[in-house]
Protein backbone atom coordinates (compact mmCIF):
# COMPACT_ATOMS: atom_id res chain seq x y z
CA MET A 1 81.98 -33.21 -9.82
CA GLY A 2 80.62 -33.88 -6.38
CA ARG A 3 80.62 -31.46 -3.51
CA ILE A 4 83.14 -32.03 -0.76
CA ARG A 5 81.32 -32.80 2.48
CA LEU A 6 82.91 -31.68 5.71
CA THR A 7 81.81 -32.52 9.20
CA PRO A 8 81.37 -29.73 11.74
CA VAL A 9 84.48 -30.98 13.55
CA VAL A 10 86.63 -30.56 10.43
CA ARG A 11 85.20 -27.10 9.77
CA ALA A 12 85.90 -26.07 13.37
CA ARG A 13 89.49 -27.35 13.21
CA ALA A 14 90.09 -25.58 9.91
CA GLY A 15 88.68 -22.35 11.33
CA VAL A 16 90.85 -22.52 14.43
CA MET A 17 93.99 -23.27 12.45
CA THR A 18 93.26 -20.52 9.90
CA GLY A 19 92.64 -18.02 12.67
CA GLY A 20 95.85 -19.03 14.41
CA VAL A 21 97.85 -18.65 11.22
CA MET A 22 96.35 -15.21 10.62
CA VAL A 23 97.17 -14.04 14.16
CA ALA A 24 100.72 -15.40 13.96
CA ALA A 25 101.28 -13.85 10.53
CA GLY A 26 99.96 -10.48 11.69
CA THR A 27 102.15 -10.58 14.77
CA GLY A 28 105.15 -11.59 12.70
CA LEU A 29 104.60 -8.71 10.29
CA GLY A 30 104.03 -6.22 13.10
CA PHE A 31 106.69 -7.24 15.60
CA GLY A 32 109.14 -9.45 13.74
CA LEU A 33 109.65 -13.08 12.89
CA ALA A 34 110.74 -14.24 16.36
CA VAL A 35 107.59 -12.91 18.03
CA GLY A 36 105.42 -14.31 15.24
CA LEU A 37 106.92 -17.77 15.71
CA ALA A 38 106.48 -17.55 19.48
CA VAL A 39 102.81 -16.62 19.06
CA ALA A 40 102.35 -19.47 16.59
CA GLY A 41 103.85 -21.89 19.13
CA VAL A 42 101.60 -20.66 21.92
CA LEU A 43 98.54 -20.95 19.69
CA LEU A 44 99.51 -24.48 18.68
CA VAL A 45 99.91 -25.52 22.32
CA ALA A 46 96.56 -23.95 23.20
CA TYR A 47 94.92 -25.76 20.27
CA CYS A 48 96.39 -29.10 21.33
CA LEU A 49 95.26 -28.57 24.93
CA LEU A 50 91.77 -27.71 23.70
CA LEU A 51 91.65 -30.95 21.73
CA MET A 52 92.81 -32.94 24.76
CA ASP A 53 90.23 -31.23 26.98
CA VAL A 54 87.28 -31.92 24.70
CA GLY A 55 86.29 -35.55 24.55
CA PRO A 56 84.43 -37.19 21.69
CA SER A 57 80.72 -36.50 21.45
CA ALA A 58 78.08 -39.07 22.21
CA GLY A 59 77.71 -39.84 18.51
CA GLY A 60 81.37 -40.77 18.13
CA ASP A 61 81.95 -37.73 15.92
CA GLY A 62 84.73 -36.15 17.99
CA PRO A 63 88.49 -35.93 17.56
């Protein structure tokens, strides 16, 4: 079996999404489902804005 190769962009996206899920889950457990969903929504919007703000790199390796 071959090793799965991931680009740095994919690793960064996976890290951001995993961190966002962990924050939203922790908030949901601590303060309730409604607050957890609100935090998840805010994190998703921030993530999308970050992707729109960052253009592709010179090598064409960007989002």
